[in-house]
Amino acid sequence: MVTGGAGFIGSAVVRELIQSTPHHVCNIDKLTYAGNLESVAPVASSDRYTFIQADIADKAAIDAAFASFCPDVVMNLAAESHVDRSIDGPSEFMVTNIMGTFTMLEEARAYYSGLDDDAKARFRFHHISTDEVFGTLGATGFFTEETPYAPNSPYSASKASSDHLVRAWHETYKLPTVQTNCSNNYGPYHFPEKLIPLVILNALEGKPLPVYGDGSQIRDWLYVEDHARALLKVVFEGKVGETYNIGGHNEKKNLEVVTTICEILDEVRPKSGSYKEQITFVADRPGHDQRYAIDAGKIQRDLGWQPLESFESGIRKTVLWYLENSAWCEAVTRNKYDRQRIGLNA
């Protein structure tokens, strides 16, 4: 059972499960603006794939899904995830990310209690979270699994809350959980409100390429298909009760990311002048964290995972994917998102 399986990371997990494993997959997604069935179209015809449109905060719907699908594994990826949207409207983030996770945990606990011993031994509840729960780093150092939580946005606060719930349900009720916290993802099928797809599409249309503040904020970039492979490692091989950080070992300033995209486009889709001429510096995001960086040593040592893509190889694949999939971009944004700046209502 994969919640949020029509979203960016969730759809990568669904595609990886169907294409690379023998497992049956039940995709549960509310289909908000960022959930698009086009993202799972490559595997939707499989007889091992099932889709249920439901809100993870809807107890009756989730109860029915557990009863009909009878999962061995639950991977909880459903979440509101855009920091700027959380600044303008935090309530949806509280409902989905906190109460939705609570509902999933309670339904999983009720389901788990009714399993026989063999099924209990197989069962896992895997909660997927973010490195943003740790707050911001200085010029040096890395987030580890022991880093204290210090969220600075409504989004990261809601995800921190959900992480604490998962820990508590394991400690109090002995629900077999694992948890992961990842760095910034990028790659195919990314909804164009996030930095990389927004820059690609705006560049192609001759629009300004917005860079918050001076663009010096640093993020550790993780190719989404590498992340999907890591999540499967954790859910099938990880130790119950443990948390694993997943990072791409690719620290880049936001401005460096934007200029790299421009340089690739200058090469593969040349025009008069450089795409860098479209870069526009705009007011910084309220509460903008300066630096994120993940120490992914634990998952490498314990489970043998490491990313296959460097930032250079992954960003080139990503740019080329958007150039070749303009129909997907049009389909997922039509009447949903016009790429206007949000998140200034602080």
C-alpha atoms as a PDB file:
ATOM      1  CA  MET A   1       0.000   0.000   0.000  1.00  0.00           C
ATOM      2  CA  VAL A   2       1.530   3.292  -1.156  1.00  0.00           C
ATOM      3  CA  THR A   3      -0.181   6.490  -0.067  1.00  0.00           C
ATOM      4  CA  GLY A   4       0.455   9.525  -2.223  1.00  0.00           C
ATOM      5  CA  GLY A   5       1.370   7.242  -5.096  1.00  0.00           C
ATOM      6  CA  ALA A   6       0.261   9.745  -7.729  1.00  0.00           C
ATOM      7  CA  GLY A   7       2.616  12.401  -6.389  1.00  0.00           C
ATOM      8  CA  PHE A   8       6.211  13.049  -7.381  1.00  0.00           C
ATOM      9  CA  ILE A   9       8.112  10.670  -5.085  1.00  0.00           C
ATOM     10  CA  GLY A  10       5.171   8.309  -4.592  1.00  0.00           C
ATOM     11  CA  SER A  11       4.748   7.722  -8.309  1.00  0.00           C
ATOM     12  CA  ALA A  12       8.472   6.942  -8.606  1.00  0.00           C
ATOM     13  CA  VAL A  13       8.031   4.339  -5.856  1.00  0.00           C
ATOM     14  CA  VAL A  14       4.984   2.839  -7.594  1.00  0.00           C
ATOM     15  CA  ARG A  15       6.807   2.665 -10.929  1.00  0.00           C
ATOM     16  CA  GLU A  16       9.861   1.063  -9.278  1.00  0.00           C
ATOM     17  CA  LEU A  17       7.732  -1.507  -7.433  1.00  0.00           C
ATOM     18  CA  ILE A  18       5.820  -2.581 -10.528  1.00  0.00           C
ATOM     19  CA  GLN A  19       8.781  -2.503 -12.927  1.00  0.00           C
ATOM     20  CA  SER A  20      11.459  -4.022 -10.672  1.00  0.00           C
ATOM     21  CA  THR A  21       9.692  -6.292  -8.162  1.00  0.00           C
ATOM     22  CA  PRO A  22       6.928  -8.956  -8.199  1.00  0.00           C
ATOM     23  CA  HIS A  23       4.821  -7.095  -5.619  1.00  0.00           C
ATOM     24  CA  HIS A  24       1.203  -6.047  -5.959  1.00  0.00           C
ATOM     25  CA  VAL A  25       0.692  -2.333  -5.337  1.00  0.00           C
ATOM     26  CA  CYS A  26      -2.339  -0.438  -4.060  1.00  0.00           C
ATOM     27  CA  ASN A  27      -1.920   3.259  -4.790  1.00  0.00           C
ATOM     28  CA  ILE A  28      -4.008   5.514  -2.526  1.00  0.00           C
ATOM     29  CA  ASP A  29      -4.088   9.170  -3.536  1.00  0.00           C
ATOM     30  CA  LYS A  30      -6.504  12.047  -2.972  1.00  0.00           C
ATOM     31  CA  LEU A  31      -5.546  13.532  -6.364  1.00  0.00           C
ATOM     32  CA  THR A  32      -4.964  17.079  -5.191  1.00  0.00           C
ATOM     33  CA  TYR A  33      -3.393  19.566  -7.600  1.00  0.00           C
ATOM     34  CA  ALA A  34      -0.021  17.766  -7.215  1.00  0.00           C
ATOM     35  CA  GLY A  35      -1.348  14.223  -7.605  1.00  0.00           C
ATOM     36  CA  ASN A  36      -1.608  13.113 -11.212  1.00  0.00           C
ATOM     37  CA  LEU A  37      -2.426   9.680 -12.576  1.00  0.00           C
ATOM     38  CA  GLU A  38      -0.383  10.584 -15.653  1.00  0.00           C
ATOM     39  CA  SER A  39       2.657   9.992 -13.446  1.00  0.00           C
ATOM     40  CA  VAL A  40       1.830   6.296 -13.008  1.00  0.00           C
ATOM     41  CA  ALA A  41       0.549   5.755 -16.545  1.00  0.00           C
ATOM     42  CA  PRO A  42       3.630   3.663 -17.501  1.00  0.00           C
ATOM     43  CA  VAL A  43       2.562   0.938 -15.031  1.00  0.00           C
ATOM     44  CA  ALA A  44      -1.180   1.500 -14.633  1.00  0.00           C
ATOM     45  CA  SER A  45      -2.083  -1.346 -16.995  1.00  0.00           C
ATOM     46  CA  SER A  46      -0.287  -3.935 -14.844  1.00  0.00           C
ATOM     47  CA  ASP A  47      -2.526  -6.568 -13.244  1.00  0.00           C
ATOM     48  CA  ARG A  48      -0.477  -6.002 -10.074  1.00  0.00           C
ATOM     49  CA  TYR A  49      -1.563  -2.351  -9.810  1.00  0.00           C
ATOM     50  CA  THR A  50      -4.689  -1.033  -8.072  1.00  0.00           C
ATOM     51  CA  PHE A  51      -5.730   2.586  -7.557  1.00  0.00           C
ATOM     52  CA  ILE A  52      -8.032   3.949  -4.857  1.00  0.00           C
ATOM     53  CA  GLN A  53      -8.892   7.645  -4.741  1.00  0.00           C
ATOM     54  CA  ALA A  54      -9.045   8.522  -1.049  1.00  0.00           C
ATOM     55  CA  ASP A  55      -7.887  11.035   1.537  1.00  0.00           C
ATOM     56  CA  ILE A  56      -5.544   9.537   4.161  1.00  0.00           C
ATOM     57  CA  ALA A  57      -7.419  11.542   6.815  1.00  0.00           C
ATOM     58  CA  ASP A  58     -10.673   9.749   5.886  1.00  0.00           C
ATOM     59  CA  LYS A  59     -10.906   6.949   8.451  1.00  0.00           C
ATOM     60  CA  ALA A  60     -13.687   5.031   6.707  1.00  0.00           C
ATOM     61  CA  ALA A  61     -11.937   5.102   3.332  1.00  0.00           C
ATOM     62  CA  ILE A  62      -8.613   3.956   4.781  1.00  0.00           C
ATOM     63  CA  ASP A  63     -10.296   1.223   6.818  1.00  0.00           C
ATOM     64  CA  ALA A  64     -11.971  -0.057   3.640  1.00  0.00           C
ATOM     65  CA  ALA A  65      -8.649   0.039   1.777  1.00  0.00           C
ATOM     66  CA  PHE A  66      -6.922  -2.060   4.433  1.00  0.00           C
ATOM     67  CA  ALA A  67      -9.805  -4.539   4.431  1.00  0.00           C
ATOM     68  CA  SER A  68      -9.856  -4.945   0.650  1.00  0.00           C
ATOM     69  CA  PHE A  69      -6.108  -4.946  -0.116  1.00  0.00           C
ATOM     70  CA  CYS A  70      -4.692  -6.611   3.033  1.00  0.00           C
ATOM     71  CA  PRO A  71      -1.173  -5.150   2.733  1.00  0.00           C
ATOM     72  CA  ASP A  72       2.044  -6.644   4.064  1.00  0.00           C
ATOM     73  CA  VAL A  73       3.696  -3.230   3.818  1.00  0.00           C
ATOM     74  CA  VAL A  74       2.439   0.341   4.051  1.00  0.00           C
ATOM     75  CA  MET A  75       4.537   3.171   2.612  1.00  0.00           C
ATOM     76  CA  ASN A  76       3.137   6.528   3.729  1.00  0.00           C
ATOM     77  CA  LEU A  77       4.185   9.213   1.247  1.00  0.00           C
ATOM     78  CA  ALA A  78       0.934  11.219   1.085  1.00  0.00           C
ATOM     79  CA  ALA A  79       1.627  14.789   2.191  1.00  0.00           C
ATOM     80  CA  GLU A  80       1.208  18.432   1.390  1.00  0.00           C
ATOM     81  CA  SER A  81       4.802  19.335   0.599  1.00  0.00           C
ATOM     82  CA  HIS A  82       5.321  22.837  -0.788  1.00  0.00           C
ATOM     83  CA  VAL A  83       6.776  25.286   1.740  1.00  0.00           C
ATOM     84  CA  ASP A  84       5.410  28.371  -0.032  1.00  0.00           C
ATOM     85  CA  ARG A  85       1.872  26.953   0.025  1.00  0.00           C
ATOM     86  CA  SER A  86       2.250  26.145   3.723  1.00  0.00           C
ATOM     87  CA  ILE A  87       3.051  29.809   4.397  1.00  0.00           C
ATOM     88  CA  ASP A  88      -0.109  31.000   2.625  1.00  0.00           C
ATOM     89  CA  GLY A  89      -2.402  28.240   3.935  1.00  0.00           C
ATOM     90  CA  PRO A  90      -1.039  26.083   6.745  1.00  0.00           C
ATOM     91  CA  SER A  91      -4.305  24.387   7.730  1.00  0.00           C
ATOM     92  CA  GLU A  92      -4.271  21.825   4.896  1.00  0.00           C
ATOM     93  CA  PHE A  93      -0.772  20.818   5.962  1.00  0.00           C
ATOM     94  CA  MET A  94      -1.940  20.189   9.515  1.00  0.00           C
ATOM     95  CA  VAL A  95      -4.893  18.082   8.343  1.00  0.00           C
ATOM     96  CA  THR A  96      -3.043  15.926   5.801  1.00  0.00           C
ATOM     97  CA  ASN A  97       0.417  15.669   7.314  1.00  0.00           C
ATOM     98  CA  ILE A  98      -0.566  15.330  10.973  1.00  0.00           C
ATOM     99  CA  MET A  99      -4.137  14.019  11.126  1.00  0.00           C
ATOM    100  CA  GLY A 100      -3.651  11.987   7.956  1.00  0.00           C
ATOM    101  CA  THR A 101      -0.607  10.276   9.415  1.00  0.00           C
ATOM    102  CA  PHE A 102      -2.493   9.723  12.681  1.00  0.00           C
ATOM    103  CA  THR A 103      -5.349   8.097  10.753  1.00  0.00           C
ATOM    104  CA  MET A 104      -2.939   5.871   8.809  1.00  0.00           C
ATOM    105  CA  LEU A 105      -1.211   4.795  12.028  1.00  0.00           C
ATOM    106  CA  GLU A 106      -4.459   3.983  13.797  1.00  0.00           C
ATOM    107  CA  GLU A 107      -5.862   2.035  10.852  1.00  0.00           C
ATOM    108  CA  ALA A 108      -2.559   0.207  10.473  1.00  0.00           C
ATOM    109  CA  ARG A 109      -2.552  -0.608  14.189  1.00  0.00           C
ATOM    110  CA  ALA A 110      -6.097  -1.995  14.071  1.00  0.00           C
ATOM    111  CA  TYR A 111      -5.253  -4.037  10.966  1.00  0.00           C
ATOM    112  CA  TYR A 112      -1.970  -5.295  12.433  1.00  0.00           C
ATOM    113  CA  SER A 113      -3.643  -6.452  15.643  1.00  0.00           C
ATOM    114  CA  GLY A 114      -5.809  -8.828  13.631  1.00  0.00           C
ATOM    115  CA  LEU A 115      -2.982 -10.517  11.723  1.00  0.00           C
ATOM    116  CA  ASP A 116      -1.606 -13.955  12.490  1.00  0.00           C
ATOM    117  CA  ASP A 117       1.976 -14.305  13.706  1.00  0.00           C
ATOM    118  CA  ASP A 118       3.471 -14.877  10.257  1.00  0.00           C
ATOM    119  CA  ALA A 119       1.716 -11.849   8.783  1.00  0.00           C
ATOM    120  CA  LYS A 120       2.735  -9.735  11.773  1.00  0.00           C
ATOM    121  CA  ALA A 121       6.344 -10.723  11.192  1.00  0.00           C
ATOM    122  CA  ARG A 122       6.111  -9.456   7.592  1.00  0.00           C
ATOM    123  CA  PHE A 123       4.244  -6.221   8.296  1.00  0.00           C
ATOM    124  CA  ARG A 124       5.978  -2.837   8.093  1.00  0.00           C
ATOM    125  CA  PHE A 125       4.719   0.744   8.279  1.00  0.00           C
ATOM    126  CA  HIS A 126       7.221   2.964   6.473  1.00  0.00           C
ATOM    127  CA  HIS A 127       6.844   6.705   6.976  1.00  0.00           C
ATOM    128  CA  ILE A 128       8.607   8.927   4.445  1.00  0.00           C
ATOM    129  CA  SER A 129       9.679  12.361   5.651  1.00  0.00           C
ATOM    130  CA  THR A 130      12.044  15.234   4.931  1.00  0.00           C
ATOM    131  CA  ASP A 131      15.321  16.708   6.148  1.00  0.00           C
ATOM    132  CA  GLU A 132      13.500  20.016   6.624  1.00  0.00           C
ATOM    133  CA  VAL A 133      12.357  18.806  10.064  1.00  0.00           C
ATOM    134  CA  PHE A 134      15.926  19.436  11.264  1.00  0.00           C
ATOM    135  CA  GLY A 135      15.850  23.150  10.460  1.00  0.00           C
ATOM    136  CA  THR A 136      18.881  24.850   8.990  1.00  0.00           C
ATOM    137  CA  LEU A 137      22.612  24.150   9.065  1.00  0.00           C
ATOM    138  CA  GLY A 138      25.560  26.512   9.255  1.00  0.00           C
ATOM    139  CA  ALA A 139      28.365  26.488   6.725  1.00  0.00           C
ATOM    140  CA  THR A 140      29.588  23.072   7.886  1.00  0.00           C
ATOM    141  CA  GLY A 141      28.174  19.852   9.276  1.00  0.00           C
ATOM    142  CA  PHE A 142      25.450  17.429   8.219  1.00  0.00           C
ATOM    143  CA  PHE A 143      22.053  16.232   9.393  1.00  0.00           C
ATOM    144  CA  THR A 144      22.282  12.797  10.988  1.00  0.00           C
ATOM    145  CA  GLU A 145      19.607  10.506  12.401  1.00  0.00           C
ATOM    146  CA  GLU A 146      20.393  12.016  15.843  1.00  0.00           C
ATOM    147  CA  THR A 147      20.052  15.679  14.826  1.00  0.00           C
ATOM    148  CA  PRO A 148      17.486  17.472  17.044  1.00  0.00           C
ATOM    149  CA  TYR A 149      14.321  18.623  15.315  1.00  0.00           C
ATOM    150  CA  ALA A 150      14.010  22.392  14.720  1.00  0.00           C
ATOM    151  CA  PRO A 151      11.425  22.993  11.952  1.00  0.00           C
ATOM    152  CA  ASN A 152      11.102  26.559  10.665  1.00  0.00           C
ATOM    153  CA  SER A 153       8.080  26.468   8.317  1.00  0.00           C
ATOM    154  CA  PRO A 154       4.494  25.274   8.713  1.00  0.00           C
ATOM    155  CA  TYR A 155       5.317  22.473   6.265  1.00  0.00           C
ATOM    156  CA  SER A 156       8.372  21.219   8.153  1.00  0.00           C
ATOM    157  CA  ALA A 157       6.578  21.581  11.482  1.00  0.00           C
ATOM    158  CA  SER A 158       3.737  19.404  10.226  1.00  0.00           C
ATOM    159  CA  LYS A 159       6.177  16.761   8.979  1.00  0.00           C
ATOM    160  CA  ALA A 160       8.087  16.863  12.267  1.00  0.00           C
ATOM    161  CA  SER A 161       4.803  16.239  14.056  1.00  0.00           C
ATOM    162  CA  SER A 162       4.060  13.241  11.860  1.00  0.00           C
ATOM    163  CA  ASP A 163       7.548  11.825  12.499  1.00  0.00           C
ATOM    164  CA  HIS A 164       6.986  12.037  16.241  1.00  0.00           C
ATOM    165  CA  LEU A 165       3.642  10.254  15.896  1.00  0.00           C
ATOM    166  CA  VAL A 166       5.288   7.374  14.038  1.00  0.00           C
ATOM    167  CA  ARG A 167       7.939   7.040  16.722  1.00  0.00           C
ATOM    168  CA  ALA A 168       5.297   7.091  19.460  1.00  0.00           C
ATOM    169  CA  TRP A 169       3.144   4.427  17.782  1.00  0.00           C
ATOM    170  CA  HIS A 170       6.183   2.158  17.592  1.00  0.00           C
ATOM    171  CA  GLU A 171       7.247   2.780  21.191  1.00  0.00           C
ATOM    172  CA  THR A 172       3.758   2.690  22.732  1.00  0.00           C
ATOM    173  CA  TYR A 173       1.875   0.189  20.571  1.00  0.00           C
ATOM    174  CA  LYS A 174       4.813  -1.786  19.125  1.00  0.00           C
ATOM    175  CA  LEU A 175       3.675  -1.090  15.582  1.00  0.00           C
ATOM    176  CA  PRO A 176       6.596  -2.207  13.364  1.00  0.00           C
ATOM    177  CA  THR A 177       7.660   1.070  11.787  1.00  0.00           C
ATOM    178  CA  VAL A 178      10.632   2.378   9.842  1.00  0.00           C
ATOM    179  CA  GLN A 179      11.188   5.996   8.901  1.00  0.00           C
ATOM    180  CA  THR A 180      13.247   7.910   6.351  1.00  0.00           C
ATOM    181  CA  ASN A 181      14.173  11.577   6.036  1.00  0.00           C
ATOM    182  CA  CYS A 182      15.390  12.678   2.630  1.00  0.00           C
ATOM    183  CA  SER A 183      17.064  15.666   1.023  1.00  0.00           C
ATOM    184  CA  ASN A 184      15.592  17.670  -1.862  1.00  0.00           C
ATOM    185  CA  ASN A 185      14.371  15.436  -4.685  1.00  0.00           C
ATOM    186  CA  TYR A 186      14.403  16.241  -8.395  1.00  0.00           C
ATOM    187  CA  GLY A 187      13.758  14.355 -11.608  1.00  0.00           C
ATOM    188  CA  PRO A 188      10.944  13.337 -13.991  1.00  0.00           C
ATOM    189  CA  TYR A 189       7.265  13.923 -13.148  1.00  0.00           C
ATOM    190  CA  HIS A 190       8.003  16.756 -10.681  1.00  0.00           C
ATOM    191  CA  PHE A 191       5.091  19.196 -10.373  1.00  0.00           C
ATOM    192  CA  PRO A 192       6.245  22.563 -11.756  1.00  0.00           C
ATOM    193  CA  GLU A 193       5.814  24.564  -8.536  1.00  0.00           C
ATOM    194  CA  LYS A 194       9.247  23.366  -7.332  1.00  0.00           C
ATOM    195  CA  LEU A 195      12.510  25.057  -8.302  1.00  0.00           C
ATOM    196  CA  ILE A 196      13.955  22.776 -10.978  1.00  0.00           C
ATOM    197  CA  PRO A 197      10.876  22.095 -13.143  1.00  0.00           C
ATOM    198  CA  LEU A 198       9.731  25.714 -12.690  1.00  0.00           C
ATOM    199  CA  VAL A 199      13.045  27.004 -14.015  1.00  0.00           C
ATOM    200  CA  ILE A 200      13.043  24.588 -16.955  1.00  0.00           C
ATOM    201  CA  LEU A 201       9.521  25.491 -18.101  1.00  0.00           C
ATOM    202  CA  ASN A 202       9.909  29.235 -17.506  1.00  0.00           C
ATOM    203  CA  ALA A 203      13.191  29.229 -19.415  1.00  0.00           C
ATOM    204  CA  LEU A 204      11.619  27.550 -22.426  1.00  0.00           C
ATOM    205  CA  GLU A 205       8.788  30.093 -22.448  1.00  0.00           C
ATOM    206  CA  GLY A 206      11.067  33.107 -22.124  1.00  0.00           C
ATOM    207  CA  LYS A 207       9.764  33.964 -18.652  1.00  0.00           C
ATOM    208  CA  PRO A 208      11.828  35.222 -15.702  1.00  0.00           C
ATOM    209  CA  LEU A 209      13.713  32.574 -13.715  1.00  0.00           C
ATOM    210  CA  PRO A 210      13.004  33.537 -10.091  1.00  0.00           C
ATOM    211  CA  VAL A 211      15.839  33.091  -7.586  1.00  0.00           C
ATOM    212  CA  TYR A 212      14.971  33.769  -3.947  1.00  0.00           C
ATOM    213  CA  GLY A 213      17.216  36.304  -2.194  1.00  0.00           C
ATOM    214  CA  ASP A 214      20.768  36.061  -3.538  1.00  0.00           C
ATOM    215  CA  GLY A 215      20.492  32.364  -4.432  1.00  0.00           C
ATOM    216  CA  SER A 216      23.111  31.334  -1.875  1.00  0.00           C
ATOM    217  CA  GLN A 217      20.846  28.829  -0.098  1.00  0.00           C
ATOM    218  CA  ILE A 218      22.338  25.342  -0.278  1.00  0.00           C
ATOM    219  CA  ARG A 219      20.440  22.101  -0.809  1.00  0.00           C
ATOM    220  CA  ASP A 220      21.558  18.479  -1.097  1.00  0.00           C
ATOM    221  CA  TRP A 221      19.945  17.172  -4.292  1.00  0.00           C
ATOM    222  CA  LEU A 222      18.714  13.585  -4.639  1.00  0.00           C
ATOM    223  CA  TYR A 223      17.539  12.111  -7.949  1.00  0.00           C
ATOM    224  CA  VAL A 224      14.028  10.775  -7.375  1.00  0.00           C
ATOM    225  CA  GLU A 225      14.669   7.321  -8.843  1.00  0.00           C
ATOM    226  CA  ASP A 226      17.676   6.907  -6.537  1.00  0.00           C
ATOM    227  CA  HIS A 227      15.353   7.838  -3.685  1.00  0.00           C
ATOM    228  CA  ALA A 228      12.763   5.268  -4.759  1.00  0.00           C
ATOM    229  CA  ARG A 229      15.411   2.541  -4.765  1.00  0.00           C
ATOM    230  CA  ALA A 230      16.528   3.628  -1.293  1.00  0.00           C
ATOM    231  CA  LEU A 231      12.977   3.498   0.040  1.00  0.00           C
ATOM    232  CA  LEU A 232      12.554  -0.084  -1.149  1.00  0.00           C
ATOM    233  CA  LYS A 233      15.846  -0.997   0.526  1.00  0.00           C
ATOM    234  CA  VAL A 234      14.587   0.433   3.805  1.00  0.00           C
ATOM    235  CA  VAL A 235      11.116  -1.058   3.731  1.00  0.00           C
ATOM    236  CA  PHE A 236      12.317  -4.576   2.882  1.00  0.00           C
ATOM    237  CA  GLU A 237      15.692  -4.686   4.633  1.00  0.00           C
ATOM    238  CA  GLY A 238      15.647  -1.919   7.257  1.00  0.00           C
ATOM    239  CA  LYS A 239      15.484  -2.641  10.971  1.00  0.00           C
ATOM    240  CA  VAL A 240      12.148  -2.065  12.710  1.00  0.00           C
ATOM    241  CA  GLY A 241      12.134   1.070  14.829  1.00  0.00           C
ATOM    242  CA  GLU A 242      15.055   2.641  12.973  1.00  0.00           C
ATOM    243  CA  THR A 243      15.312   5.912  11.053  1.00  0.00           C
ATOM    244  CA  TYR A 244      17.459   6.315   7.939  1.00  0.00           C
ATOM    245  CA  ASN A 245      18.578   9.551   6.293  1.00  0.00           C
ATOM    246  CA  ILE A 246      18.710   9.525   2.492  1.00  0.00           C
ATOM    247  CA  GLY A 247      20.774  12.112   0.628  1.00  0.00           C
ATOM    248  CA  GLY A 248      22.329  12.567  -2.779  1.00  0.00           C
ATOM    249  CA  HIS A 249      25.759  13.886  -1.730  1.00  0.00           C
ATOM    250  CA  ASN A 250      25.155  16.822  -4.079  1.00  0.00           C
ATOM    251  CA  GLU A 251      25.284  20.142  -2.234  1.00  0.00           C
ATOM    252  CA  LYS A 252      24.521  23.013  -4.587  1.00  0.00           C
ATOM    253  CA  LYS A 253      23.602  26.658  -4.148  1.00  0.00           C
ATOM    254  CA  ASN A 254      20.193  27.471  -5.607  1.00  0.00           C
ATOM    255  CA  LEU A 255      21.790  29.929  -8.036  1.00  0.00           C
ATOM    256  CA  GLU A 256      24.220  27.214  -9.161  1.00  0.00           C
ATOM    257  CA  VAL A 257      21.281  24.896  -9.870  1.00  0.00           C
ATOM    258  CA  VAL A 258      19.561  27.547 -11.986  1.00  0.00           C
ATOM    259  CA  THR A 259      22.699  28.410 -13.964  1.00  0.00           C
ATOM    260  CA  THR A 260      23.403  24.706 -14.600  1.00  0.00           C
ATOM    261  CA  ILE A 261      19.915  24.284 -16.082  1.00  0.00           C
ATOM    262  CA  CYS A 262      20.505  27.343 -18.256  1.00  0.00           C
ATOM    263  CA  GLU A 263      23.813  25.955 -19.507  1.00  0.00           C
ATOM    264  CA  ILE A 264      22.221  22.626 -20.470  1.00  0.00           C
ATOM    265  CA  LEU A 265      19.402  24.420 -22.272  1.00  0.00           C
ATOM    266  CA  ASP A 266      21.909  26.666 -24.054  1.00  0.00           C
ATOM    267  CA  GLU A 267      23.470  23.449 -25.367  1.00  0.00           C
ATOM    268  CA  VAL A 268      20.420  21.345 -26.253  1.00  0.00           C
ATOM    269  CA  ARG A 269      17.828  24.038 -27.080  1.00  0.00           C
ATOM    270  CA  PRO A 270      19.909  27.050 -28.157  1.00  0.00           C
ATOM    271  CA  LYS A 271      18.353  30.456 -28.736  1.00  0.00           C
ATOM    272  CA  SER A 272      19.564  33.987 -29.327  1.00  0.00           C
ATOM    273  CA  GLY A 273      21.494  34.820 -26.176  1.00  0.00           C
ATOM    274  CA  SER A 274      21.791  32.697 -23.041  1.00  0.00           C
ATOM    275  CA  TYR A 275      18.962  31.505 -20.834  1.00  0.00           C
ATOM    276  CA  LYS A 276      20.963  32.971 -17.935  1.00  0.00           C
ATOM    277  CA  GLU A 277      19.760  36.394 -19.079  1.00  0.00           C
ATOM    278  CA  GLN A 278      16.299  35.431 -17.743  1.00  0.00           C
ATOM    279  CA  ILE A 279      17.526  34.973 -14.146  1.00  0.00           C
ATOM    280  CA  THR A 280      15.682  37.368 -11.837  1.00  0.00           C
ATOM    281  CA  PHE A 281      16.388  37.831  -8.131  1.00  0.00           C
ATOM    282  CA  VAL A 282      13.206  38.135  -6.052  1.00  0.00           C
ATOM    283  CA  ALA A 283      12.346  38.695  -2.384  1.00  0.00           C
ATOM    284  CA  ASP A 284      13.452  35.790  -0.236  1.00  0.00           C
ATOM    285  CA  ARG A 285      10.989  33.294   1.254  1.00  0.00           C
ATOM    286  CA  PRO A 286       9.966  34.083   4.863  1.00  0.00           C
ATOM    287  CA  GLY A 287      11.889  31.797   7.246  1.00  0.00           C
ATOM    288  CA  HIS A 288      14.018  30.425   4.404  1.00  0.00           C
ATOM    289  CA  ASP A 289      16.508  27.826   5.696  1.00  0.00           C
ATOM    290  CA  GLN A 290      20.039  28.562   4.528  1.00  0.00           C
ATOM    291  CA  ARG A 291      21.533  25.107   4.169  1.00  0.00           C
ATOM    292  CA  TYR A 292      20.493  21.440   4.208  1.00  0.00           C
ATOM    293  CA  ALA A 293      22.953  18.558   3.908  1.00  0.00           C
ATOM    294  CA  ILE A 294      22.401  14.890   4.719  1.00  0.00           C
ATOM    295  CA  ASP A 295      24.821  12.381   6.185  1.00  0.00           C
ATOM    296  CA  ALA A 296      23.607   9.202   4.458  1.00  0.00           C
ATOM    297  CA  GLY A 297      26.295   7.010   5.987  1.00  0.00           C
ATOM    298  CA  LYS A 298      23.897   4.845   7.972  1.00  0.00           C
ATOM    299  CA  ILE A 299      21.852   3.610   5.003  1.00  0.00           C
ATOM    300  CA  GLN A 300      25.077   3.007   3.074  1.00  0.00           C
ATOM    301  CA  ARG A 301      26.685   1.019   5.881  1.00  0.00           C
ATOM    302  CA  ASP A 302      23.616  -0.929   7.014  1.00  0.00           C
ATOM    303  CA  LEU A 303      21.755  -1.500   3.752  1.00  0.00           C
ATOM    304  CA  GLY A 304      24.350  -1.004   1.030  1.00  0.00           C
ATOM    305  CA  TRP A 305      22.529   1.823  -0.759  1.00  0.00           C
ATOM    306  CA  GLN A 306      24.180   4.693  -2.525  1.00  0.00           C
ATOM    307  CA  PRO A 307      22.909   7.005  -5.268  1.00  0.00           C
ATOM    308  CA  LEU A 308      23.605   6.032  -8.852  1.00  0.00           C
ATOM    309  CA  GLU A 309      23.216   9.546 -10.265  1.00  0.00           C
ATOM    310  CA  SER A 310      25.530  12.482  -9.724  1.00  0.00           C
ATOM    311  CA  PHE A 311      23.893  15.897  -9.864  1.00  0.00           C
ATOM    312  CA  GLU A 312      25.482  16.451 -13.272  1.00  0.00           C
ATOM    313  CA  SER A 313      24.030  13.248 -14.756  1.00  0.00           C
ATOM    314  CA  GLY A 314      20.672  13.574 -12.988  1.00  0.00           C
ATOM    315  CA  ILE A 315      20.019  17.200 -13.889  1.00  0.00           C
ATOM    316  CA  ARG A 316      20.796  16.517 -17.553  1.00  0.00           C
ATOM    317  CA  LYS A 317      18.349  13.585 -17.552  1.00  0.00           C
ATOM    318  CA  THR A 318      15.763  15.814 -15.891  1.00  0.00           C
ATOM    319  CA  VAL A 319      16.076  18.675 -18.372  1.00  0.00           C
ATOM    320  CA  LEU A 320      15.855  16.283 -21.318  1.00  0.00           C
ATOM    321  CA  TRP A 321      12.796  14.577 -19.797  1.00  0.00           C
ATOM    322  CA  TYR A 322      10.919  17.882 -19.575  1.00  0.00           C
ATOM    323  CA  LEU A 323      11.883  18.758 -23.133  1.00  0.00           C
ATOM    324  CA  GLU A 324      10.451  15.425 -24.306  1.00  0.00           C
ATOM    325  CA  ASN A 325       7.301  15.485 -22.139  1.00  0.00           C
ATOM    326  CA  SER A 326       5.654  18.842 -22.710  1.00  0.00           C
ATOM    327  CA  ALA A 327       2.251  17.108 -22.952  1.00  0.00           C
ATOM    328  CA  TRP A 328       2.604  15.837 -19.364  1.00  0.00           C
ATOM    329  CA  CYS A 329       3.492  19.325 -18.155  1.00  0.00           C
ATOM    330  CA  GLU A 330       0.455  20.794 -19.885  1.00  0.00           C
ATOM    331  CA  ALA A 331      -1.856  18.070 -18.574  1.00  0.00           C
ATOM    332  CA  VAL A 332      -0.833  18.370 -14.924  1.00  0.00           C
ATOM    333  CA  THR A 333      -0.878  22.174 -14.759  1.00  0.00           C
ATOM    334  CA  ARG A 334      -4.013  22.896 -16.793  1.00  0.00           C
ATOM    335  CA  ASN A 335      -6.421  24.913 -14.608  1.00  0.00           C
ATOM    336  CA  LYS A 336      -4.344  24.038 -11.517  1.00  0.00           C
ATOM    337  CA  TYR A 337      -1.237  26.185 -11.447  1.00  0.00           C
ATOM    338  CA  ASP A 338      -0.013  29.171 -13.446  1.00  0.00           C
ATOM    339  CA  ARG A 339       3.514  29.287 -11.955  1.00  0.00           C
ATOM    340  CA  GLN A 340       2.875  32.546 -10.111  1.00  0.00           C
ATOM    341  CA  ARG A 341       4.846  33.343  -6.944  1.00  0.00           C
ATOM    342  CA  ILE A 342       3.144  32.349  -3.680  1.00  0.00           C
ATOM    343  CA  GLY A 343       4.246  32.156  -0.039  1.00  0.00           C
ATOM    344  CA  LEU A 344       4.697  35.870   0.709  1.00  0.00           C
ATOM    345  CA  ASN A 345       1.731  36.213   3.099  1.00  0.00           C
ATOM    346  CA  ALA A 346       3.810  35.927   6.261  1.00  0.00           C
END
